[in-house]
Every structure is written in structure tokens, then in C-alpha cells.
Amino acid sequence: MTISQITRRDIVDAIAVENLNWSGRLEEIEFLSRLYNLSTLPSTDGRFKDAAGDIWQHGVNNDDWDLTWIFYDPRFNLMNGDDDALLAFLCETIHPVARPDSAEAERICQLYNLYLQNDGYQIVEKTRMSGRPVFVGRNVGIAHAPGIAAARETFGSTDPGYIAQQITRMEAATSNDPALAIGTAKELLESCCKTILSTREIQFSRSADLPELMKLTVKELQLSPDNISDQAKASEIIRRLLNNLTTVAQGIAELRNHYGTGHGKAAGSMGLGTRHAKLAVGAASTLAVFLIETHNERPKR
């Protein structure tokens, strides 16, 4: 058991605070039957011969068990059992059969991952069923890319939806899928630029690529080297740094084109490793934080 008691209790507390019905649209017996053979598990109520009986009595008929009873029931051993059992249970709570709303499933997945990542685990999309995501738990290791924490904090109040998903995806993929991490790093910068430009009512083409979006954003935020006065301290150094903003974006775009997701590769082509993914994710996160903080500090022109 490598998912700690602290993480497990945090997840249970989050479920309680969110008042999250873990069985979704299914009855508890129907839900649990997808994971366990309830007829072979003993009853804790002498009136019934197996677990199915007392779960129906207390979970459906009387409804006198609290929301998180399942985690403390020793028959299911979710608090003290192996990691795979816990991950399988959590993935089942956001399975399309139990939770058909994909947006809700993604939100709950992010909630779980907020705590699981501390122990090196993530719940990620494995496949699709009728267009809806089916999830699986993975041990991705603890490989934090620089800038991720700052990006999560900065964008948490700006766009808690799509951009937050991109940050979670980047972090989860850094170790186990560097190509996805690199591809998502580019998408994060694109989303950041589009958010800033849209908020400031600056028009841009739907087909605009990252370098073009970056140039528009830099111009709107007055971050181009030409905006720095010769009288400013270290003006030449500042100019060089600002001039490199578009260079960083261009480099990440090119790295994604060669090694990231989004383009077909020849069979047998070699990809990049975790350290390269950290470089792309760290650079993209740091640049995105700088742009959004500048956007928040400077009023629209």
C-alpha cells in the first residue's frame, strides 16, 4: 500500500464535503456488483445472509448509513487495502455507466488527482465508451516539473476549467507520457494567449499558430523590447529577456511538432524522455504565469 492513509482520508473528506454520491446514477448494490461478488461477502446484519442484503437494507430501504460508509467497511478494505483496489473503486465512480456527464466525471477526476499526485498516482483517461471517457489509475511517480505549482495557483482563479485540466494532464504525463506533456505544454500557452486576447477584445484568427498568438499577446501587454526606455535600469538585459519570449514559444511549438502529440510519426521513431518533458512543461508554465500576471496587473489599453 503506497497510497497513504493521509491521501485516502483526504479523498474521503473531499467526497463528504462535495456531498458526492459515489455510485452515481446506479443503486449502491448495482454499483458494487460491478466490482465485487456481494453474495460471497458476509452480512453485518444478522437478518441477512450476505452483503447484498444488508447494503440494500441500510443503504436503500432505511438509508441510515452515511455517505462514506463504504470506505470504512472492512469487507471492502478501501482504507487499508492495496492501491489497485482503491484506484479501481475511484475509477468506477466516474465510469460512464455510473456517471454519464463527462464534464462532471472530469471534475471529480481532478478532485481525486489533487490528492493522489502526492503519492505518485494519477487517474487518467484510458479509452472511450460511446464518446465518453473511461478512466484507469496509474503509478506515474513523483516528477514535478518546475513552474507547475505556480501555474496551478495562478490559473486557479483565472480559469478553473479547461486550463486547470491542461495543467493536471501535463503534470500526470511528464513521467509516463512525455509526448503528451510536450503537446499539452504548447496547448497551455495557446490557451493562455487566447484567454488574454479575448479578455482584451483583441481579434485573432482561429487558425493562428502559437508564435502568431504570442506576438499579438506580447504587443498587447507592451512586452516588446521597443517598449523599454533607454533610461531604464538594465534596459538591454530586459530587452533581451523580452525578445526571448517569442523564442521560447517558438521552441515549444517546434518541439511539439517533432516529438509531441498531434502529428503522426514514422514507425520506430524515437521520442524524448522525462527530462525533456520537464523542460517544455517548466518553460511553458513559467511563461504562462508571467503573461497572465502581467495581464492582471496592466489594464486594457
C-alpha atoms as a PDB file:
ATOM      1  CA  MET A   1       0.000   0.000   0.000  1.00  0.00           C
ATOM      2  CA  THR A   2       1.786   3.131  -1.234  1.00  0.00           C
ATOM      3  CA  ILE A   3      -1.226   5.449  -1.362  1.00  0.00           C
ATOM      4  CA  SER A   4      -1.028   6.752   2.185  1.00  0.00           C
ATOM      5  CA  GLN A   5      -3.696   6.885   4.864  1.00  0.00           C
ATOM      6  CA  ILE A   6      -3.450  10.673   4.687  1.00  0.00           C
ATOM      7  CA  THR A   7      -4.284  10.686   0.970  1.00  0.00           C
ATOM      8  CA  ARG A   8      -7.134   8.210   1.439  1.00  0.00           C
ATOM      9  CA  ARG A   9      -8.666  10.256   4.248  1.00  0.00           C
ATOM     10  CA  ASP A  10      -8.287  13.446   2.218  1.00  0.00           C
ATOM     11  CA  ILE A  11     -10.223  11.836  -0.636  1.00  0.00           C
ATOM     12  CA  VAL A  12     -12.959  10.625   1.722  1.00  0.00           C
ATOM     13  CA  ASP A  13     -13.209  14.082   3.314  1.00  0.00           C
ATOM     14  CA  ALA A  14     -13.448  15.692  -0.136  1.00  0.00           C
ATOM     15  CA  ILE A  15     -16.248  13.298  -1.105  1.00  0.00           C
ATOM     16  CA  ALA A  16     -18.094  14.211   2.096  1.00  0.00           C
ATOM     17  CA  VAL A  17     -17.613  17.967   1.607  1.00  0.00           C
ATOM     18  CA  GLU A  18     -18.736  17.732  -2.026  1.00  0.00           C
ATOM     19  CA  ASN A  19     -21.667  15.539  -0.962  1.00  0.00           C
ATOM     20  CA  LEU A  20     -20.606  13.286  -3.817  1.00  0.00           C
ATOM     21  CA  ASN A  21     -22.799  10.270  -4.460  1.00  0.00           C
ATOM     22  CA  TRP A  22     -20.095   7.741  -5.339  1.00  0.00           C
ATOM     23  CA  SER A  23     -22.496   5.306  -7.011  1.00  0.00           C
ATOM     24  CA  GLY A  24     -23.688   7.970  -9.454  1.00  0.00           C
ATOM     25  CA  ARG A  25     -26.963   7.124 -11.125  1.00  0.00           C
ATOM     26  CA  LEU A  26     -26.719   3.476 -10.040  1.00  0.00           C
ATOM     27  CA  GLU A  27     -28.083   1.959  -6.849  1.00  0.00           C
ATOM     28  CA  GLU A  28     -25.287   1.075  -4.445  1.00  0.00           C
ATOM     29  CA  ILE A  29     -25.785  -2.684  -4.886  1.00  0.00           C
ATOM     30  CA  GLU A  30     -25.786  -2.364  -8.668  1.00  0.00           C
ATOM     31  CA  PHE A  31     -22.634  -0.247  -8.497  1.00  0.00           C
ATOM     32  CA  LEU A  32     -20.740  -2.519  -6.099  1.00  0.00           C
ATOM     33  CA  SER A  33     -21.730  -5.625  -8.040  1.00  0.00           C
ATOM     34  CA  ARG A  34     -19.600  -4.318 -10.902  1.00  0.00           C
ATOM     35  CA  LEU A  35     -16.536  -4.632  -8.636  1.00  0.00           C
ATOM     36  CA  TYR A  36     -17.374  -7.321  -6.054  1.00  0.00           C
ATOM     37  CA  ASN A  37     -19.302 -10.568  -5.744  1.00  0.00           C
ATOM     38  CA  LEU A  38     -21.588  -9.393  -2.949  1.00  0.00           C
ATOM     39  CA  SER A  39     -23.105 -12.848  -2.450  1.00  0.00           C
ATOM     40  CA  THR A  40     -19.725 -14.133  -1.176  1.00  0.00           C
ATOM     41  CA  LEU A  41     -19.218 -11.294   1.321  1.00  0.00           C
ATOM     42  CA  PRO A  42     -20.727 -11.719   4.813  1.00  0.00           C
ATOM     43  CA  SER A  43     -23.563  -9.632   6.185  1.00  0.00           C
ATOM     44  CA  THR A  44     -23.057  -7.367   9.202  1.00  0.00           C
ATOM     45  CA  ASP A  45     -26.784  -7.605   9.928  1.00  0.00           C
ATOM     46  CA  GLY A  46     -27.972 -10.958  11.279  1.00  0.00           C
ATOM     47  CA  ARG A  47     -31.218 -10.703   9.336  1.00  0.00           C
ATOM     48  CA  PHE A  48     -29.423 -11.156   6.030  1.00  0.00           C
ATOM     49  CA  LYS A  49     -27.212 -13.880   4.640  1.00  0.00           C
ATOM     50  CA  ASP A  50     -24.776 -11.744   2.632  1.00  0.00           C
ATOM     51  CA  ALA A  51     -23.526  -8.218   1.960  1.00  0.00           C
ATOM     52  CA  ALA A  52     -26.128  -7.569  -0.721  1.00  0.00           C
ATOM     53  CA  GLY A  53     -28.888  -7.939   1.867  1.00  0.00           C
ATOM     54  CA  ASP A  54     -27.603  -5.515   4.473  1.00  0.00           C
ATOM     55  CA  ILE A  55     -26.457  -2.976   1.875  1.00  0.00           C
ATOM     56  CA  TRP A  56     -29.990  -2.920   0.481  1.00  0.00           C
ATOM     57  CA  GLN A  57     -31.500  -2.658   3.965  1.00  0.00           C
ATOM     58  CA  HIS A  58     -29.297   0.167   5.234  1.00  0.00           C
ATOM     59  CA  GLY A  59     -28.261   1.867   2.002  1.00  0.00           C
ATOM     60  CA  VAL A  60     -31.583   1.810   0.174  1.00  0.00           C
ATOM     61  CA  ASN A  61     -34.504   0.768   2.376  1.00  0.00           C
ATOM     62  CA  ASN A  62     -33.618   2.605   5.601  1.00  0.00           C
ATOM     63  CA  ASP A  63     -30.901   4.851   4.156  1.00  0.00           C
ATOM     64  CA  ASP A  64     -29.313   5.101   7.609  1.00  0.00           C
ATOM     65  CA  TRP A  65     -25.662   4.726   6.570  1.00  0.00           C
ATOM     66  CA  ASP A  66     -23.709   7.905   5.958  1.00  0.00           C
ATOM     67  CA  LEU A  67     -22.316   8.836   2.551  1.00  0.00           C
ATOM     68  CA  THR A  68     -18.798   7.486   3.150  1.00  0.00           C
ATOM     69  CA  TRP A  69     -19.662   4.186   4.861  1.00  0.00           C
ATOM     70  CA  ILE A  70     -18.111   2.186   2.024  1.00  0.00           C
ATOM     71  CA  PHE A  71     -14.604   3.439   2.863  1.00  0.00           C
ATOM     72  CA  TYR A  72     -14.777   2.229   6.458  1.00  0.00           C
ATOM     73  CA  ASP A  73     -16.427  -1.123   5.808  1.00  0.00           C
ATOM     74  CA  PRO A  74     -13.717  -3.799   6.361  1.00  0.00           C
ATOM     75  CA  ARG A  75     -15.317  -6.058   3.768  1.00  0.00           C
ATOM     76  CA  PHE A  76     -14.159  -3.686   1.012  1.00  0.00           C
ATOM     77  CA  ASN A  77     -10.923  -2.589   2.707  1.00  0.00           C
ATOM     78  CA  LEU A  78     -10.620   0.678   0.803  1.00  0.00           C
ATOM     79  CA  MET A  79      -8.833   2.480   3.627  1.00  0.00           C
ATOM     80  CA  ASN A  80      -6.236  -0.215   4.311  1.00  0.00           C
ATOM     81  CA  GLY A  81      -6.201  -2.378   1.191  1.00  0.00           C
ATOM     82  CA  ASP A  82      -3.928  -2.380  -1.831  1.00  0.00           C
ATOM     83  CA  ASP A  83      -3.679   0.581  -4.152  1.00  0.00           C
ATOM     84  CA  ASP A  84      -5.239  -1.164  -7.146  1.00  0.00           C
ATOM     85  CA  ALA A  85      -8.472  -1.823  -5.249  1.00  0.00           C
ATOM     86  CA  LEU A  86      -8.824   1.827  -4.254  1.00  0.00           C
ATOM     87  CA  LEU A  87      -7.990   3.087  -7.740  1.00  0.00           C
ATOM     88  CA  ALA A  88     -10.451   0.649  -9.334  1.00  0.00           C
ATOM     89  CA  PHE A  89     -13.187   1.886  -6.999  1.00  0.00           C
ATOM     90  CA  LEU A  90     -12.457   5.562  -7.700  1.00  0.00           C
ATOM     91  CA  CYS A  91     -12.353   4.956 -11.462  1.00  0.00           C
ATOM     92  CA  GLU A  92     -15.702   3.176 -11.254  1.00  0.00           C
ATOM     93  CA  THR A  93     -17.276   6.239  -9.599  1.00  0.00           C
ATOM     94  CA  ILE A  94     -16.533   8.239 -12.773  1.00  0.00           C
ATOM     95  CA  HIS A  95     -17.249   5.457 -15.265  1.00  0.00           C
ATOM     96  CA  PRO A  96     -19.792   6.496 -17.951  1.00  0.00           C
ATOM     97  CA  VAL A  97     -22.218   3.807 -16.775  1.00  0.00           C
ATOM     98  CA  ALA A  98     -22.362   5.353 -13.310  1.00  0.00           C
ATOM     99  CA  ARG A  99     -21.685   8.968 -14.267  1.00  0.00           C
ATOM    100  CA  PRO A 100     -22.654   9.802 -17.864  1.00  0.00           C
ATOM    101  CA  ASP A 101     -21.918  13.534 -17.571  1.00  0.00           C
ATOM    102  CA  SER A 102     -18.356  13.781 -18.935  1.00  0.00           C
ATOM    103  CA  ALA A 103     -17.782  17.262 -17.504  1.00  0.00           C
ATOM    104  CA  GLU A 104     -18.775  16.106 -14.031  1.00  0.00           C
ATOM    105  CA  ALA A 105     -16.617  12.990 -14.347  1.00  0.00           C
ATOM    106  CA  GLU A 106     -13.611  15.125 -15.349  1.00  0.00           C
ATOM    107  CA  ARG A 107     -14.185  17.468 -12.413  1.00  0.00           C
ATOM    108  CA  ILE A 108     -14.293  14.565  -9.956  1.00  0.00           C
ATOM    109  CA  CYS A 109     -11.208  13.038 -11.600  1.00  0.00           C
ATOM    110  CA  GLN A 110      -9.331  16.293 -10.969  1.00  0.00           C
ATOM    111  CA  LEU A 111     -10.510  16.224  -7.359  1.00  0.00           C
ATOM    112  CA  TYR A 112      -9.090  12.722  -6.866  1.00  0.00           C
ATOM    113  CA  ASN A 113      -5.840  13.601  -8.638  1.00  0.00           C
ATOM    114  CA  LEU A 114      -5.326  16.634  -6.427  1.00  0.00           C
ATOM    115  CA  TYR A 115      -4.581  14.189  -3.585  1.00  0.00           C
ATOM    116  CA  LEU A 116      -3.321  11.113  -5.466  1.00  0.00           C
ATOM    117  CA  GLN A 117      -0.477  13.052  -7.101  1.00  0.00           C
ATOM    118  CA  ASN A 118       1.151  13.467  -3.682  1.00  0.00           C
ATOM    119  CA  ASP A 119       1.832   9.707  -3.686  1.00  0.00           C
ATOM    120  CA  GLY A 120       2.801   9.461  -7.348  1.00  0.00           C
ATOM    121  CA  TYR A 121      -0.560   8.262  -8.708  1.00  0.00           C
ATOM    122  CA  GLN A 122      -2.968   9.719 -11.236  1.00  0.00           C
ATOM    123  CA  ILE A 123      -6.310   8.736 -12.716  1.00  0.00           C
ATOM    124  CA  VAL A 124      -6.164   9.259 -16.467  1.00  0.00           C
ATOM    125  CA  GLU A 125      -8.324   8.572 -19.482  1.00  0.00           C
ATOM    126  CA  LYS A 126      -7.669   5.112 -20.928  1.00  0.00           C
ATOM    127  CA  THR A 127     -10.285   4.781 -23.650  1.00  0.00           C
ATOM    128  CA  ARG A 128     -13.729   5.984 -24.716  1.00  0.00           C
ATOM    129  CA  MET A 129     -17.159   4.406 -24.448  1.00  0.00           C
ATOM    130  CA  SER A 130     -19.831   5.956 -26.654  1.00  0.00           C
ATOM    131  CA  GLY A 131     -17.743   9.114 -26.785  1.00  0.00           C
ATOM    132  CA  ARG A 132     -17.331   9.317 -23.010  1.00  0.00           C
ATOM    133  CA  PRO A 133     -14.012   8.831 -21.156  1.00  0.00           C
ATOM    134  CA  VAL A 134     -13.201   5.622 -19.274  1.00  0.00           C
ATOM    135  CA  PHE A 135     -10.502   6.091 -16.639  1.00  0.00           C
ATOM    136  CA  VAL A 136      -7.710   3.997 -15.178  1.00  0.00           C
ATOM    137  CA  GLY A 137      -5.343   4.552 -12.254  1.00  0.00           C
ATOM    138  CA  ARG A 138      -1.594   4.679 -12.906  1.00  0.00           C
ATOM    139  CA  ASN A 139       1.570   4.990 -10.899  1.00  0.00           C
ATOM    140  CA  VAL A 140       3.252   7.917 -12.632  1.00  0.00           C
ATOM    141  CA  GLY A 141       5.880   8.627  -9.993  1.00  0.00           C
ATOM    142  CA  ILE A 142       6.562  11.940  -8.375  1.00  0.00           C
ATOM    143  CA  ALA A 143       8.253  14.049 -11.041  1.00  0.00           C
ATOM    144  CA  HIS A 144       7.308  17.657 -10.534  1.00  0.00           C
ATOM    145  CA  ALA A 145       8.224  19.937 -13.385  1.00  0.00           C
ATOM    146  CA  PRO A 146       9.357  23.434 -12.368  1.00  0.00           C
ATOM    147  CA  GLY A 147       6.638  26.041 -12.731  1.00  0.00           C
ATOM    148  CA  ILE A 148       3.699  23.655 -12.389  1.00  0.00           C
ATOM    149  CA  ALA A 149       2.781  24.724  -8.854  1.00  0.00           C
ATOM    150  CA  ALA A 150       2.903  28.411  -9.787  1.00  0.00           C
ATOM    151  CA  ALA A 151       0.783  27.775 -12.892  1.00  0.00           C
ATOM    152  CA  ARG A 152      -1.817  25.863 -10.900  1.00  0.00           C
ATOM    153  CA  GLU A 153      -2.034  28.672  -8.335  1.00  0.00           C
ATOM    154  CA  THR A 154      -2.154  31.453 -10.935  1.00  0.00           C
ATOM    155  CA  PHE A 155      -4.707  29.891 -13.257  1.00  0.00           C
ATOM    156  CA  GLY A 156      -6.850  28.504 -10.453  1.00  0.00           C
ATOM    157  CA  SER A 157      -8.564  31.881 -10.091  1.00  0.00           C
ATOM    158  CA  THR A 158      -8.458  32.697 -13.807  1.00  0.00           C
ATOM    159  CA  ASP A 159      -9.850  29.589 -15.478  1.00  0.00           C
ATOM    160  CA  PRO A 160     -10.606  26.664 -13.143  1.00  0.00           C
ATOM    161  CA  GLY A 161     -11.895  24.589 -16.031  1.00  0.00           C
ATOM    162  CA  TYR A 162     -10.065  23.813 -19.259  1.00  0.00           C
ATOM    163  CA  ILE A 163      -6.690  25.331 -18.339  1.00  0.00           C
ATOM    164  CA  ALA A 164      -6.735  23.502 -14.994  1.00  0.00           C
ATOM    165  CA  GLN A 165      -7.288  20.261 -16.918  1.00  0.00           C
ATOM    166  CA  GLN A 166      -4.282  21.034 -19.120  1.00  0.00           C
ATOM    167  CA  ILE A 167      -2.061  21.623 -16.085  1.00  0.00           C
ATOM    168  CA  THR A 168      -3.209  18.364 -14.484  1.00  0.00           C
ATOM    169  CA  ARG A 169      -2.641  16.497 -17.758  1.00  0.00           C
ATOM    170  CA  MET A 170       0.860  17.940 -18.171  1.00  0.00           C
ATOM    171  CA  GLU A 171       1.870  17.019 -14.647  1.00  0.00           C
ATOM    172  CA  ALA A 172       0.493  13.495 -14.910  1.00  0.00           C
ATOM    173  CA  ALA A 173       2.134  12.883 -18.294  1.00  0.00           C
ATOM    174  CA  THR A 174       5.594  14.268 -17.505  1.00  0.00           C
ATOM    175  CA  SER A 175       6.872  10.866 -16.354  1.00  0.00           C
ATOM    176  CA  ASN A 176       4.745   8.311 -18.172  1.00  0.00           C
ATOM    177  CA  ASP A 177       3.956  10.096 -21.456  1.00  0.00           C
ATOM    178  CA  PRO A 178       6.499  12.832 -22.325  1.00  0.00           C
ATOM    179  CA  ALA A 179       4.994  13.336 -25.801  1.00  0.00           C
ATOM    180  CA  LEU A 180       1.610  14.171 -24.276  1.00  0.00           C
ATOM    181  CA  ALA A 181       3.255  16.503 -21.751  1.00  0.00           C
ATOM    182  CA  ILE A 182       5.083  18.381 -24.529  1.00  0.00           C
ATOM    183  CA  GLY A 183       1.947  18.621 -26.654  1.00  0.00           C
ATOM    184  CA  THR A 184      -0.095  19.888 -23.717  1.00  0.00           C
ATOM    185  CA  ALA A 185       2.593  22.468 -22.839  1.00  0.00           C
ATOM    186  CA  LYS A 186       2.028  24.046 -26.256  1.00  0.00           C
ATOM    187  CA  GLU A 187      -1.739  23.917 -25.754  1.00  0.00           C
ATOM    188  CA  LEU A 188      -1.370  25.659 -22.384  1.00  0.00           C
ATOM    189  CA  LEU A 189       0.442  28.595 -23.971  1.00  0.00           C
ATOM    190  CA  GLU A 190      -2.149  28.785 -26.756  1.00  0.00           C
ATOM    191  CA  SER A 191      -4.973  28.802 -24.206  1.00  0.00           C
ATOM    192  CA  CYS A 192      -3.187  31.448 -22.147  1.00  0.00           C
ATOM    193  CA  CYS A 193      -2.711  33.763 -25.142  1.00  0.00           C
ATOM    194  CA  LYS A 194      -6.280  33.271 -26.378  1.00  0.00           C
ATOM    195  CA  THR A 195      -7.663  33.969 -22.902  1.00  0.00           C
ATOM    196  CA  ILE A 196      -5.702  37.219 -22.642  1.00  0.00           C
ATOM    197  CA  LEU A 197      -6.547  38.370 -26.184  1.00  0.00           C
ATOM    198  CA  SER A 198     -10.235  37.531 -25.838  1.00  0.00           C
ATOM    199  CA  THR A 199     -10.497  39.314 -22.485  1.00  0.00           C
ATOM    200  CA  ARG A 200      -8.869  42.388 -24.014  1.00  0.00           C
ATOM    201  CA  GLU A 201     -11.093  42.163 -27.115  1.00  0.00           C
ATOM    202  CA  ILE A 202      -8.149  41.698 -29.466  1.00  0.00           C
ATOM    203  CA  GLN A 203      -9.134  39.861 -32.624  1.00  0.00           C
ATOM    204  CA  PHE A 204      -7.119  36.883 -33.815  1.00  0.00           C
ATOM    205  CA  SER A 205      -7.573  34.250 -36.473  1.00  0.00           C
ATOM    206  CA  ARG A 206      -8.967  30.884 -35.421  1.00  0.00           C
ATOM    207  CA  SER A 207      -6.153  29.296 -37.395  1.00  0.00           C
ATOM    208  CA  ALA A 208      -3.438  31.398 -35.716  1.00  0.00           C
ATOM    209  CA  ASP A 209      -0.495  29.286 -34.541  1.00  0.00           C
ATOM    210  CA  LEU A 210       1.349  29.719 -31.252  1.00  0.00           C
ATOM    211  CA  PRO A 211       4.083  32.119 -32.495  1.00  0.00           C
ATOM    212  CA  GLU A 212       1.443  34.389 -34.015  1.00  0.00           C
ATOM    213  CA  LEU A 213      -0.680  34.322 -30.852  1.00  0.00           C
ATOM    214  CA  MET A 214       2.390  35.076 -28.760  1.00  0.00           C
ATOM    215  CA  LYS A 215       3.325  38.095 -30.883  1.00  0.00           C
ATOM    216  CA  LEU A 216      -0.191  39.528 -30.520  1.00  0.00           C
ATOM    217  CA  THR A 217      -0.147  38.929 -26.765  1.00  0.00           C
ATOM    218  CA  VAL A 218       3.308  40.458 -26.290  1.00  0.00           C
ATOM    219  CA  LYS A 219       2.259  43.503 -28.297  1.00  0.00           C
ATOM    220  CA  GLU A 220      -0.979  43.985 -26.356  1.00  0.00           C
ATOM    221  CA  LEU A 221       0.793  43.651 -22.990  1.00  0.00           C
ATOM    222  CA  GLN A 222       3.523  46.057 -24.164  1.00  0.00           C
ATOM    223  CA  LEU A 223       6.221  43.480 -23.537  1.00  0.00           C
ATOM    224  CA  SER A 224       8.147  44.023 -26.752  1.00  0.00           C
ATOM    225  CA  PRO A 225      11.756  45.264 -26.440  1.00  0.00           C
ATOM    226  CA  ASP A 226      10.755  48.557 -28.141  1.00  0.00           C
ATOM    227  CA  ASN A 227       8.646  49.465 -25.115  1.00  0.00           C
ATOM    228  CA  ILE A 228      11.694  49.641 -22.832  1.00  0.00           C
ATOM    229  CA  SER A 229      13.193  53.099 -22.366  1.00  0.00           C
ATOM    230  CA  ASP A 230      16.938  53.533 -22.701  1.00  0.00           C
ATOM    231  CA  GLN A 231      16.853  55.201 -19.287  1.00  0.00           C
ATOM    232  CA  ALA A 232      15.508  52.064 -17.592  1.00  0.00           C
ATOM    233  CA  LYS A 233      17.998  50.241 -15.407  1.00  0.00           C
ATOM    234  CA  ALA A 234      19.451  47.187 -17.125  1.00  0.00           C
ATOM    235  CA  SER A 235      17.398  48.133 -20.195  1.00  0.00           C
ATOM    236  CA  GLU A 236      19.486  45.969 -22.531  1.00  0.00           C
ATOM    237  CA  ILE A 237      19.085  42.896 -20.334  1.00  0.00           C
ATOM    238  CA  ILE A 238      15.318  43.442 -20.131  1.00  0.00           C
ATOM    239  CA  ARG A 239      15.164  43.808 -23.903  1.00  0.00           C
ATOM    240  CA  ARG A 240      16.962  40.506 -24.400  1.00  0.00           C
ATOM    241  CA  LEU A 241      14.660  38.706 -21.971  1.00  0.00           C
ATOM    242  CA  LEU A 242      11.530  40.107 -23.616  1.00  0.00           C
ATOM    243  CA  ASN A 243      12.869  39.297 -27.054  1.00  0.00           C
ATOM    244  CA  ASN A 244      13.254  35.686 -25.922  1.00  0.00           C
ATOM    245  CA  LEU A 245       9.571  35.354 -25.002  1.00  0.00           C
ATOM    246  CA  THR A 246       8.538  34.597 -28.563  1.00  0.00           C
ATOM    247  CA  THR A 247      11.645  32.449 -28.980  1.00  0.00           C
ATOM    248  CA  VAL A 248      10.567  30.211 -26.084  1.00  0.00           C
ATOM    249  CA  ALA A 249       7.076  29.865 -27.548  1.00  0.00           C
ATOM    250  CA  GLN A 250       8.517  29.102 -30.986  1.00  0.00           C
ATOM    251  CA  GLY A 251      10.816  26.458 -29.484  1.00  0.00           C
ATOM    252  CA  ILE A 252       7.982  24.698 -27.643  1.00  0.00           C
ATOM    253  CA  ALA A 253       5.863  24.750 -30.806  1.00  0.00           C
ATOM    254  CA  GLU A 254       8.681  23.182 -32.826  1.00  0.00           C
ATOM    255  CA  LEU A 255       9.415  20.627 -30.099  1.00  0.00           C
ATOM    256  CA  ARG A 256       5.773  19.584 -30.115  1.00  0.00           C
ATOM    257  CA  ASN A 257       5.753  19.313 -33.907  1.00  0.00           C
ATOM    258  CA  HIS A 258       8.710  16.916 -33.809  1.00  0.00           C
ATOM    259  CA  TYR A 259       8.097  14.963 -30.625  1.00  0.00           C
ATOM    260  CA  GLY A 260       4.771  15.874 -29.040  1.00  0.00           C
ATOM    261  CA  THR A 261       1.272  14.584 -29.643  1.00  0.00           C
ATOM    262  CA  GLY A 262      -0.749  15.886 -32.546  1.00  0.00           C
ATOM    263  CA  HIS A 263       1.353  14.733 -35.501  1.00  0.00           C
ATOM    264  CA  GLY A 264       1.831  11.249 -36.891  1.00  0.00           C
ATOM    265  CA  LYS A 265       5.282   9.717 -36.520  1.00  0.00           C
ATOM    266  CA  ALA A 266       7.092   7.170 -38.620  1.00  0.00           C
ATOM    267  CA  ALA A 267       7.178   3.679 -37.170  1.00  0.00           C
ATOM    268  CA  GLY A 268      10.187   3.226 -34.907  1.00  0.00           C
ATOM    269  CA  SER A 269      10.759   6.956 -34.396  1.00  0.00           C
ATOM    270  CA  MET A 270      12.403   7.819 -31.093  1.00  0.00           C
ATOM    271  CA  GLY A 271      10.729  10.112 -28.596  1.00  0.00           C
ATOM    272  CA  LEU A 272      12.060  12.275 -25.813  1.00  0.00           C
ATOM    273  CA  GLY A 273      12.329  11.425 -22.134  1.00  0.00           C
ATOM    274  CA  THR A 274      11.060  12.799 -18.854  1.00  0.00           C
ATOM    275  CA  ARG A 275      13.779  15.436 -18.547  1.00  0.00           C
ATOM    276  CA  HIS A 276      12.814  16.896 -21.939  1.00  0.00           C
ATOM    277  CA  ALA A 277       9.152  16.934 -20.916  1.00  0.00           C
ATOM    278  CA  LYS A 278      10.124  18.749 -17.699  1.00  0.00           C
ATOM    279  CA  LEU A 279      11.965  21.346 -19.762  1.00  0.00           C
ATOM    280  CA  ALA A 280       8.987  22.005 -22.049  1.00  0.00           C
ATOM    281  CA  VAL A 281       6.418  21.928 -19.242  1.00  0.00           C
ATOM    282  CA  GLY A 282       8.544  24.105 -16.955  1.00  0.00           C
ATOM    283  CA  ALA A 283       9.226  26.691 -19.662  1.00  0.00           C
ATOM    284  CA  ALA A 284       5.590  26.815 -20.776  1.00  0.00           C
ATOM    285  CA  SER A 285       4.283  27.068 -17.205  1.00  0.00           C
ATOM    286  CA  THR A 286       6.717  29.831 -16.231  1.00  0.00           C
ATOM    287  CA  LEU A 287       5.979  31.819 -19.387  1.00  0.00           C
ATOM    288  CA  ALA A 288       2.214  31.385 -18.995  1.00  0.00           C
ATOM    289  CA  VAL A 289       2.360  32.609 -15.381  1.00  0.00           C
ATOM    290  CA  PHE A 290       4.380  35.672 -16.432  1.00  0.00           C
ATOM    291  CA  LEU A 291       1.896  36.545 -19.181  1.00  0.00           C
ATOM    292  CA  ILE A 292      -1.230  36.105 -17.078  1.00  0.00           C
ATOM    293  CA  GLU A 293       0.229  38.053 -14.129  1.00  0.00           C
ATOM    294  CA  THR A 294       1.176  40.890 -16.470  1.00  0.00           C
ATOM    295  CA  HIS A 295      -2.310  40.773 -17.957  1.00  0.00           C
ATOM    296  CA  ASN A 296      -3.858  41.020 -14.483  1.00  0.00           C
ATOM    297  CA  GLU A 297      -1.652  43.947 -13.474  1.00  0.00           C
ATOM    298  CA  ARG A 298      -1.986  46.036 -16.635  1.00  0.00           C
ATOM    299  CA  PRO A 299      -5.401  47.448 -17.620  1.00  0.00           C
ATOM    300  CA  LYS A 300      -6.695  47.165 -21.142  1.00  0.00           C
ATOM    301  CA  ARG A 301      -5.402  49.849 -23.435  1.00  0.00           C
END
